[in-house]
Protein backbone atom coordinates (compact mmCIF):
# COMPACT_ATOMS: atom_id res chain seq x y z
CA MET A 1 -0.31 26.38 36.64
CA PRO A 2 -0.02 28.13 33.26
CA SER A 3 -0.43 26.13 30.02
CA HIS A 4 2.31 25.69 27.42
CA GLY A 5 0.76 27.74 24.65
CA SER A 6 -2.63 29.01 23.69
CA LEU A 7 -5.23 26.89 21.97
CA THR A 8 -5.61 29.54 19.24
CA LYS A 9 -2.26 28.39 17.81
CA ALA A 10 -3.13 24.65 17.82
CA GLY A 11 -2.57 23.01 14.42
CA LYS A 12 -0.74 25.99 12.94
CA VAL A 13 2.23 24.08 11.52
CA ARG A 14 0.18 21.19 10.18
CA SER A 15 -2.15 23.51 8.27
CA GLN A 16 0.81 25.33 6.71
CA THR A 17 2.56 22.12 5.58
CA PRO A 18 2.03 21.37 1.85
CA LYS A 19 0.11 18.22 0.99
CA ILE A 20 2.18 15.56 -0.77
CA ALA A 21 0.45 12.78 -2.72
CA PRO A 22 1.38 9.27 -1.49
CA ARG A 23 3.38 6.95 -3.72
CA PRO A 24 1.27 4.18 -5.25
CA LYS A 25 1.61 0.79 -3.56
CA ARG A 26 3.38 -1.80 -5.63
CA ASN A 27 2.53 -5.03 -3.78
CA LEU A 28 -0.74 -6.65 -2.85
CA VAL A 29 -2.25 -6.27 0.60
CA PRO A 30 -1.17 -9.35 2.68
CA ARG A 31 -4.78 -10.53 3.12
CA ILE A 32 -5.30 -10.72 -0.62
CA ARG A 33 -1.82 -12.14 -1.27
CA ASN A 34 -2.40 -14.92 1.27
CA ARG A 35 -5.82 -15.69 -0.23
CA ARG A 36 -4.26 -16.00 -3.67
CA GLU A 37 -1.42 -18.24 -2.47
CA TYR A 38 -3.93 -20.49 -0.68
CA TRP A 39 -6.03 -20.65 -3.87
CA ILE A 40 -2.95 -21.63 -5.90
CA THR A 41 -1.92 -24.44 -3.48
CA GLN A 42 -5.47 -25.79 -3.60
CA ARG A 43 -5.40 -25.81 -7.40
CA LYS A 44 -2.02 -27.57 -7.39
CA ALA A 45 -3.30 -30.21 -4.92
CA GLN A 46 -6.29 -30.91 -7.16
CA GLY A 47 -4.13 -31.02 -10.29
CA LEU A 48 -5.87 -28.12 -11.98
CA PRO A 49 -4.11 -25.54 -14.12
CA ILE A 50 -3.02 -22.31 -12.57
CA PRO A 51 -3.60 -19.20 -14.67
CA VAL A 52 -0.54 -17.00 -15.19
CA VAL A 53 -0.85 -13.85 -13.03
CA VAL A 54 1.72 -11.09 -13.32
CA PRO A 55 2.41 -9.76 -9.77
CA PRO A 56 2.42 -5.97 -9.48
CA SER A 57 6.01 -5.97 -8.20
CA SER A 58 7.29 -7.43 -11.49
CA VAL A 59 5.75 -4.71 -13.60
CA PRO A 60 8.54 -2.40 -14.82
CA ARG A 61 8.61 1.08 -13.33
CA LYS A 62 8.31 4.16 -15.52
CA SER A 63 11.58 5.93 -15.95
CA LYS A 64 11.81 9.53 -14.94
CA SER A 65 12.83 11.63 -17.95
């Protein structure tokens, strides 16, 4: 049974595709976010002050101009 194309052409399209840089992530990874939320609830339960942390999602985006 013949194959559906030669192995010499394998990966041709992928190697020709231009590389695009990924967009930066704006939110925390869930593991770190959950750890921070747990830490805050523990501080609240103990009556300790909670430092003000600015989440990355509330930082204003740069305008394209």
